C-alpha atoms as a PDB file:
ATOM      1  CA  UNK A   1       0.000   0.000   0.000  1.00  0.00           C
ATOM      2  CA  UNK A   2       2.800   2.406   0.878  1.00  0.00           C
ATOM      3  CA  UNK A   3       4.491   1.629  -2.445  1.00  0.00           C
ATOM      4  CA  UNK A   4       1.258   2.246  -4.362  1.00  0.00           C
ATOM      5  CA  UNK A   5       0.697   5.550  -2.544  1.00  0.00           C
ATOM      6  CA  UNK A   6       4.254   6.652  -3.294  1.00  0.00           C
ATOM      7  CA  UNK A   7       3.901   5.808  -6.983  1.00  0.00           C
ATOM      8  CA  UNK A   8       0.578   7.654  -7.061  1.00  0.00           C
ATOM      9  CA  UNK A   9       2.165  10.806  -5.596  1.00  0.00           C
ATOM     10  CA  UNK A  10       5.071  10.638  -8.057  1.00  0.00           C
ATOM     11  CA  UNK A  11       2.653  10.250 -10.954  1.00  0.00           C
ATOM     12  CA  UNK A  12       0.819  13.386  -9.876  1.00  0.00           C
ATOM     13  CA  UNK A  13       4.101  15.305  -9.690  1.00  0.00           C
ATOM     14  CA  UNK A  14       4.771  14.485 -13.345  1.00  0.00           C
ATOM     15  CA  UNK A  15       1.368  15.760 -14.485  1.00  0.00           C
ATOM     16  CA  UNK A  16       1.235  19.271 -15.877  1.00  0.00           C
ATOM     17  CA  UNK A  17      -1.899  21.181 -14.992  1.00  0.00           C
ATOM     18  CA  UNK A  18      -2.838  24.594 -16.312  1.00  0.00           C
ATOM     19  CA  UNK A  19      -2.889  27.521 -13.901  1.00  0.00           C
ATOM     20  CA  UNK A  20      -6.322  29.054 -13.494  1.00  0.00           C
ATOM     21  CA  UNK A  21      -7.083  32.772 -12.986  1.00  0.00           C
ATOM     22  CA  UNK A  22      -8.116  33.688  -9.455  1.00  0.00           C
ATOM     23  CA  UNK A  23     -10.752  36.329  -8.652  1.00  0.00           C
ATOM     24  CA  UNK A  24      -8.487  38.334  -6.330  1.00  0.00           C
ATOM     25  CA  UNK A  25      -5.567  38.618  -8.783  1.00  0.00           C
ATOM     26  CA  UNK A  26      -4.857  42.137  -9.991  1.00  0.00           C
ATOM     27  CA  UNK A  27      -2.491  41.166 -12.804  1.00  0.00           C
ATOM     28  CA  UNK A  28      -1.806  37.928 -14.656  1.00  0.00           C
ATOM     29  CA  UNK A  29       0.699  37.067 -17.374  1.00  0.00           C
ATOM     30  CA  UNK A  30      -0.371  34.760 -20.198  1.00  0.00           C
ATOM     31  CA  UNK A  31       1.735  33.057 -22.852  1.00  0.00           C
ATOM     32  CA  UNK A  32       0.166  31.093 -25.718  1.00  0.00           C
ATOM     33  CA  UNK A  33      -3.217  31.166 -23.961  1.00  0.00           C
ATOM     34  CA  UNK A  34      -1.736  29.724 -20.772  1.00  0.00           C
ATOM     35  CA  UNK A  35      -1.409  31.575 -17.490  1.00  0.00           C
ATOM     36  CA  UNK A  36       2.115  31.671 -16.077  1.00  0.00           C
ATOM     37  CA  UNK A  37       2.540  30.717 -12.429  1.00  0.00           C
ATOM     38  CA  UNK A  38       5.408  33.185 -12.072  1.00  0.00           C
ATOM     39  CA  UNK A  39       7.109  35.877 -14.096  1.00  0.00           C
ATOM     40  CA  UNK A  40       9.889  33.969 -15.852  1.00  0.00           C
ATOM     41  CA  UNK A  41      11.771  36.640 -17.779  1.00  0.00           C
ATOM     42  CA  UNK A  42      13.913  34.092 -19.622  1.00  0.00           C
ATOM     43  CA  UNK A  43      10.852  32.221 -20.871  1.00  0.00           C
ATOM     44  CA  UNK A  44       9.150  35.448 -21.914  1.00  0.00           C
ATOM     45  CA  UNK A  45      12.284  36.743 -23.665  1.00  0.00           C
ATOM     46  CA  UNK A  46      12.605  33.478 -25.562  1.00  0.00           C
ATOM     47  CA  UNK A  47       8.961  33.635 -26.583  1.00  0.00           C
ATOM     48  CA  UNK A  48       9.300  37.185 -27.875  1.00  0.00           C
ATOM     49  CA  UNK A  49      12.715  37.070 -29.513  1.00  0.00           C
ATOM     50  CA  UNK A  50      13.545  33.500 -30.411  1.00  0.00           C
ATOM     51  CA  UNK A  51      10.723  31.001 -30.755  1.00  0.00           C
ATOM     52  CA  UNK A  52      12.013  27.726 -32.141  1.00  0.00           C
ATOM     53  CA  UNK A  53       8.605  26.612 -33.439  1.00  0.00           C
ATOM     54  CA  UNK A  54       7.819  29.672 -35.567  1.00  0.00           C
ATOM     55  CA  UNK A  55       5.458  28.937 -38.450  1.00  0.00           C
ATOM     56  CA  UNK A  56       6.044  30.953 -41.643  1.00  0.00           C
ATOM     57  CA  UNK A  57       2.372  31.924 -42.036  1.00  0.00           C
ATOM     58  CA  UNK A  58       1.334  32.215 -38.376  1.00  0.00           C
ATOM     59  CA  UNK A  59       2.412  35.632 -37.110  1.00  0.00           C
ATOM     60  CA  UNK A  60       1.504  34.705 -33.531  1.00  0.00           C
ATOM     61  CA  UNK A  61       4.466  32.314 -33.494  1.00  0.00           C
ATOM     62  CA  UNK A  62       6.946  34.817 -34.948  1.00  0.00           C
ATOM     63  CA  UNK A  63       9.628  36.513 -32.907  1.00  0.00           C
ATOM     64  CA  UNK A  64       9.365  40.264 -32.416  1.00  0.00           C
ATOM     65  CA  UNK A  65      12.278  40.788 -34.808  1.00  0.00           C
ATOM     66  CA  UNK A  66      10.716  38.570 -37.485  1.00  0.00           C
ATOM     67  CA  UNK A  67       7.415  40.454 -37.281  1.00  0.00           C
ATOM     68  CA  UNK A  68       9.000  43.878 -37.766  1.00  0.00           C
ATOM     69  CA  UNK A  69      11.347  42.626 -40.450  1.00  0.00           C
ATOM     70  CA  UNK A  70       8.343  41.387 -42.414  1.00  0.00           C
ATOM     71  CA  UNK A  71       6.303  44.541 -41.793  1.00  0.00           C
ATOM     72  CA  UNK A  72       9.080  46.924 -42.841  1.00  0.00           C
ATOM     73  CA  UNK A  73      10.423  44.661 -45.605  1.00  0.00           C
ATOM     74  CA  UNK A  74      13.970  44.669 -44.221  1.00  0.00           C
ATOM     75  CA  UNK A  75      16.519  42.255 -45.637  1.00  0.00           C
ATOM     76  CA  UNK A  76      18.582  39.912 -43.482  1.00  0.00           C
ATOM     77  CA  UNK A  77      21.655  41.829 -44.595  1.00  0.00           C
ATOM     78  CA  UNK A  78      20.207  45.114 -43.399  1.00  0.00           C
ATOM     79  CA  UNK A  79      19.418  43.647 -39.974  1.00  0.00           C
ATOM     80  CA  UNK A  80      22.997  42.512 -39.464  1.00  0.00           C
ATOM     81  CA  UNK A  81      24.188  46.085 -40.000  1.00  0.00           C
ATOM     82  CA  UNK A  82      22.020  47.538 -37.243  1.00  0.00           C
ATOM     83  CA  UNK A  83      24.061  48.075 -34.094  1.00  0.00           C
ATOM     84  CA  UNK A  84      21.478  46.608 -31.720  1.00  0.00           C
ATOM     85  CA  UNK A  85      23.716  46.839 -28.661  1.00  0.00           C
ATOM     86  CA  UNK A  86      24.407  50.540 -29.210  1.00  0.00           C
ATOM     87  CA  UNK A  87      20.718  51.252 -29.839  1.00  0.00           C
ATOM     88  CA  UNK A  88      19.735  49.439 -26.653  1.00  0.00           C
ATOM     89  CA  UNK A  89      22.365  51.258 -24.634  1.00  0.00           C
ATOM     90  CA  UNK A  90      21.205  54.642 -25.941  1.00  0.00           C
ATOM     91  CA  UNK A  91      17.532  53.735 -25.439  1.00  0.00           C
ATOM     92  CA  UNK A  92      18.058  52.820 -21.796  1.00  0.00           C
ATOM     93  CA  UNK A  93      19.501  56.267 -21.091  1.00  0.00           C
ATOM     94  CA  UNK A  94      16.095  57.833 -21.749  1.00  0.00           C
ATOM     95  CA  UNK A  95      13.613  58.346 -18.886  1.00  0.00           C
ATOM     96  CA  UNK A  96      10.804  55.761 -18.766  1.00  0.00           C
ATOM     97  CA  UNK A  97       8.304  58.227 -20.201  1.00  0.00           C
ATOM     98  CA  UNK A  98      10.531  58.987 -23.196  1.00  0.00           C
ATOM     99  CA  UNK A  99      11.078  55.266 -23.752  1.00  0.00           C
ATOM    100  CA  UNK A 100       7.323  54.634 -23.877  1.00  0.00           C
ATOM    101  CA  UNK A 101       6.814  57.547 -26.265  1.00  0.00           C
ATOM    102  CA  UNK A 102       9.618  56.389 -28.569  1.00  0.00           C
ATOM    103  CA  UNK A 103       8.270  52.837 -28.750  1.00  0.00           C
ATOM    104  CA  UNK A 104       4.796  54.115 -29.615  1.00  0.00           C
ATOM    105  CA  UNK A 105       6.179  56.490 -32.240  1.00  0.00           C
ATOM    106  CA  UNK A 106       8.447  53.904 -33.875  1.00  0.00           C
ATOM    107  CA  UNK A 107       5.627  51.337 -34.061  1.00  0.00           C
ATOM    108  CA  UNK A 108       3.137  53.886 -35.379  1.00  0.00           C
ATOM    109  CA  UNK A 109       0.837  53.551 -32.362  1.00  0.00           C
ATOM    110  CA  UNK A 110       0.934  57.134 -31.049  1.00  0.00           C
ATOM    111  CA  UNK A 111      -1.699  59.826 -31.456  1.00  0.00           C
ATOM    112  CA  UNK A 112      -1.583  60.469 -35.197  1.00  0.00           C
ATOM    113  CA  UNK A 113      -4.557  60.876 -37.515  1.00  0.00           C
ATOM    114  CA  UNK A 114      -4.587  57.238 -38.627  1.00  0.00           C
ATOM    115  CA  UNK A 115      -4.737  55.942 -35.057  1.00  0.00           C
ATOM    116  CA  UNK A 116      -7.245  58.572 -33.891  1.00  0.00           C
ATOM    117  CA  UNK A 117      -9.589  57.490 -36.677  1.00  0.00           C
ATOM    118  CA  UNK A 118      -9.011  53.796 -36.007  1.00  0.00           C
ATOM    119  CA  UNK A 119      -9.680  54.272 -32.290  1.00  0.00           C
ATOM    120  CA  UNK A 120     -12.715  56.464 -33.064  1.00  0.00           C
ATOM    121  CA  UNK A 121     -11.325  59.518 -31.290  1.00  0.00           C
ATOM    122  CA  UNK A 122     -12.152  61.579 -34.383  1.00  0.00           C
ATOM    123  CA  UNK A 123     -13.946  61.091 -37.697  1.00  0.00           C
ATOM    124  CA  UNK A 124     -10.981  61.734 -40.015  1.00  0.00           C
ATOM    125  CA  UNK A 125      -7.271  60.947 -40.356  1.00  0.00           C
ATOM    126  CA  UNK A 126      -6.044  64.295 -41.683  1.00  0.00           C
ATOM    127  CA  UNK A 127      -2.763  65.947 -40.741  1.00  0.00           C
ATOM    128  CA  UNK A 128      -3.594  69.111 -38.748  1.00  0.00           C
ATOM    129  CA  UNK A 129      -0.752  71.004 -40.457  1.00  0.00           C
ATOM    130  CA  UNK A 130      -1.126  70.240 -44.153  1.00  0.00           C
ATOM    131  CA  UNK A 131      -4.508  68.484 -44.336  1.00  0.00           C
ATOM    132  CA  UNK A 132      -3.199  65.294 -45.947  1.00  0.00           C
ATOM    133  CA  UNK A 133      -5.302  62.229 -45.194  1.00  0.00           C
ATOM    134  CA  UNK A 134      -3.978  59.186 -43.344  1.00  0.00           C
ATOM    135  CA  UNK A 135      -1.505  61.018 -41.110  1.00  0.00           C
ATOM    136  CA  UNK A 136       1.140  58.564 -39.834  1.00  0.00           C
ATOM    137  CA  UNK A 137       4.279  58.907 -37.753  1.00  0.00           C
ATOM    138  CA  UNK A 138       6.255  58.813 -40.985  1.00  0.00           C
ATOM    139  CA  UNK A 139       4.184  61.658 -42.410  1.00  0.00           C
ATOM    140  CA  UNK A 140       4.933  63.788 -39.334  1.00  0.00           C
ATOM    141  CA  UNK A 141       8.605  63.758 -40.326  1.00  0.00           C
ATOM    142  CA  UNK A 142       7.924  64.211 -44.050  1.00  0.00           C
ATOM    143  CA  UNK A 143       5.125  66.785 -43.786  1.00  0.00           C
ATOM    144  CA  UNK A 144       5.852  69.734 -46.088  1.00  0.00           C
ATOM    145  CA  UNK A 145       3.842  72.311 -44.141  1.00  0.00           C
ATOM    146  CA  UNK A 146       5.831  75.471 -43.350  1.00  0.00           C
ATOM    147  CA  UNK A 147       5.735  74.933 -39.602  1.00  0.00           C
ATOM    148  CA  UNK A 148       6.866  71.303 -40.001  1.00  0.00           C
ATOM    149  CA  UNK A 149       9.714  72.295 -42.306  1.00  0.00           C
ATOM    150  CA  UNK A 150      10.892  74.960 -39.861  1.00  0.00           C
ATOM    151  CA  UNK A 151      10.990  72.416 -37.027  1.00  0.00           C
ATOM    152  CA  UNK A 152      12.794  69.901 -39.272  1.00  0.00           C
ATOM    153  CA  UNK A 153      15.489  72.430 -40.176  1.00  0.00           C
ATOM    154  CA  UNK A 154      16.068  73.251 -36.513  1.00  0.00           C
ATOM    155  CA  UNK A 155      16.535  69.561 -35.713  1.00  0.00           C
ATOM    156  CA  UNK A 156      18.855  68.996 -38.680  1.00  0.00           C
ATOM    157  CA  UNK A 157      21.014  71.931 -37.620  1.00  0.00           C
ATOM    158  CA  UNK A 158      21.209  70.504 -34.114  1.00  0.00           C
ATOM    159  CA  UNK A 159      22.237  67.117 -35.513  1.00  0.00           C
ATOM    160  CA  UNK A 160      24.889  68.716 -37.708  1.00  0.00           C
ATOM    161  CA  UNK A 161      26.340  70.570 -34.725  1.00  0.00           C
ATOM    162  CA  UNK A 162      26.422  67.325 -32.740  1.00  0.00           C
ATOM    163  CA  UNK A 163      28.244  65.493 -35.555  1.00  0.00           C
ATOM    164  CA  UNK A 164      30.761  68.328 -35.740  1.00  0.00           C
ATOM    165  CA  UNK A 165      31.267  68.353 -31.986  1.00  0.00           C
ATOM    166  CA  UNK A 166      32.170  64.670 -31.978  1.00  0.00           C
ATOM    167  CA  UNK A 167      34.423  64.997 -35.040  1.00  0.00           C
ATOM    168  CA  UNK A 168      32.426  62.739 -37.334  1.00  0.00           C
ATOM    169  CA  UNK A 169      34.118  61.839 -40.598  1.00  0.00           C
ATOM    170  CA  UNK A 170      33.375  64.655 -43.061  1.00  0.00           C
ATOM    171  CA  UNK A 171      32.055  62.386 -45.804  1.00  0.00           C
ATOM    172  CA  UNK A 172      29.886  60.448 -43.346  1.00  0.00           C
ATOM    173  CA  UNK A 173      28.616  63.728 -41.861  1.00  0.00           C
ATOM    174  CA  UNK A 174      27.588  64.969 -45.311  1.00  0.00           C
ATOM    175  CA  UNK A 175      26.091  61.632 -46.338  1.00  0.00           C
ATOM    176  CA  UNK A 176      23.882  61.375 -43.239  1.00  0.00           C
ATOM    177  CA  UNK A 177      22.476  64.893 -43.559  1.00  0.00           C
ATOM    178  CA  UNK A 178      21.993  64.696 -47.312  1.00  0.00           C
ATOM    179  CA  UNK A 179      20.295  61.306 -47.137  1.00  0.00           C
ATOM    180  CA  UNK A 180      17.924  62.535 -44.447  1.00  0.00           C
ATOM    181  CA  UNK A 181      16.954  65.551 -46.533  1.00  0.00           C
ATOM    182  CA  UNK A 182      16.429  63.406 -49.635  1.00  0.00           C
ATOM    183  CA  UNK A 183      14.356  60.896 -47.670  1.00  0.00           C
ATOM    184  CA  UNK A 184      12.136  63.641 -46.295  1.00  0.00           C
ATOM    185  CA  UNK A 185      11.394  65.116 -49.705  1.00  0.00           C
ATOM    186  CA  UNK A 186      11.230  61.663 -51.383  1.00  0.00           C
ATOM    187  CA  UNK A 187      14.123  62.666 -53.578  1.00  0.00           C
ATOM    188  CA  UNK A 188      16.622  60.339 -55.172  1.00  0.00           C
ATOM    189  CA  UNK A 189      19.969  59.503 -53.626  1.00  0.00           C
ATOM    190  CA  UNK A 190      22.612  61.720 -55.239  1.00  0.00           C
ATOM    191  CA  UNK A 191      25.601  60.160 -53.453  1.00  0.00           C
ATOM    192  CA  UNK A 192      26.582  56.917 -55.271  1.00  0.00           C
ATOM    193  CA  UNK A 193      25.643  53.900 -53.179  1.00  0.00           C
ATOM    194  CA  UNK A 194      29.087  52.422 -53.732  1.00  0.00           C
ATOM    195  CA  UNK A 195      30.616  55.352 -51.842  1.00  0.00           C
ATOM    196  CA  UNK A 196      28.184  55.356 -48.949  1.00  0.00           C
ATOM    197  CA  UNK A 197      29.132  53.789 -45.612  1.00  0.00           C
ATOM    198  CA  UNK A 198      27.690  50.252 -45.643  1.00  0.00           C
ATOM    199  CA  UNK A 199      24.797  50.738 -43.195  1.00  0.00           C
ATOM    200  CA  UNK A 200      23.601  53.804 -45.129  1.00  0.00           C
ATOM    201  CA  UNK A 201      23.577  51.838 -48.378  1.00  0.00           C
ATOM    202  CA  UNK A 202      20.838  49.338 -47.674  1.00  0.00           C
ATOM    203  CA  UNK A 203      19.349  49.780 -44.206  1.00  0.00           C
ATOM    204  CA  UNK A 204      15.756  50.955 -44.096  1.00  0.00           C
ATOM    205  CA  UNK A 205      15.241  54.667 -43.542  1.00  0.00           C
ATOM    206  CA  UNK A 206      11.949  54.161 -41.840  1.00  0.00           C
ATOM    207  CA  UNK A 207      10.936  51.751 -39.094  1.00  0.00           C
ATOM    208  CA  UNK A 208       7.661  53.074 -37.831  1.00  0.00           C
END
């Protein structure tokens, strides 16, 4: 009898039962429709950034990187030329509020015309400066309204001064500023791609 009871207890230990939500819980964390018993950051990080069972047509199984690569049509080569460590280090220097704002802006989820219309905060998606429909975070930077252009020029001047202060290579300095201006006005790239620094040659110029 004691042996049978011991085997019975061991069998129960091997069984995996789903955690159920409790009425007095304020916050719960779910992964793949299953409630987690504790906040396992390694499991969550793996689920977000490196799922081994990703299905090519099921976006719910994709990693975060795979999703955004597909959405922004970025090549594998372009991704390898993004300095992820440097970006993360710079991002973490921002206050929490600035981090939240930047994430929303880069993913296109902040308060622009498109999102206000989608969320039914207003009945149109027009840019308040130029009147163009379907205002997005990308349009905010490319808007050709006078007030938007004035703000853009101020920011570009500030960037140029920063590049000068830190003694950026002259050609790289010029290439960055010129490419930004051409991107904003949808112009063509006048600097030959073969002469551009590698990341500027094929990395996407928009990610939001």
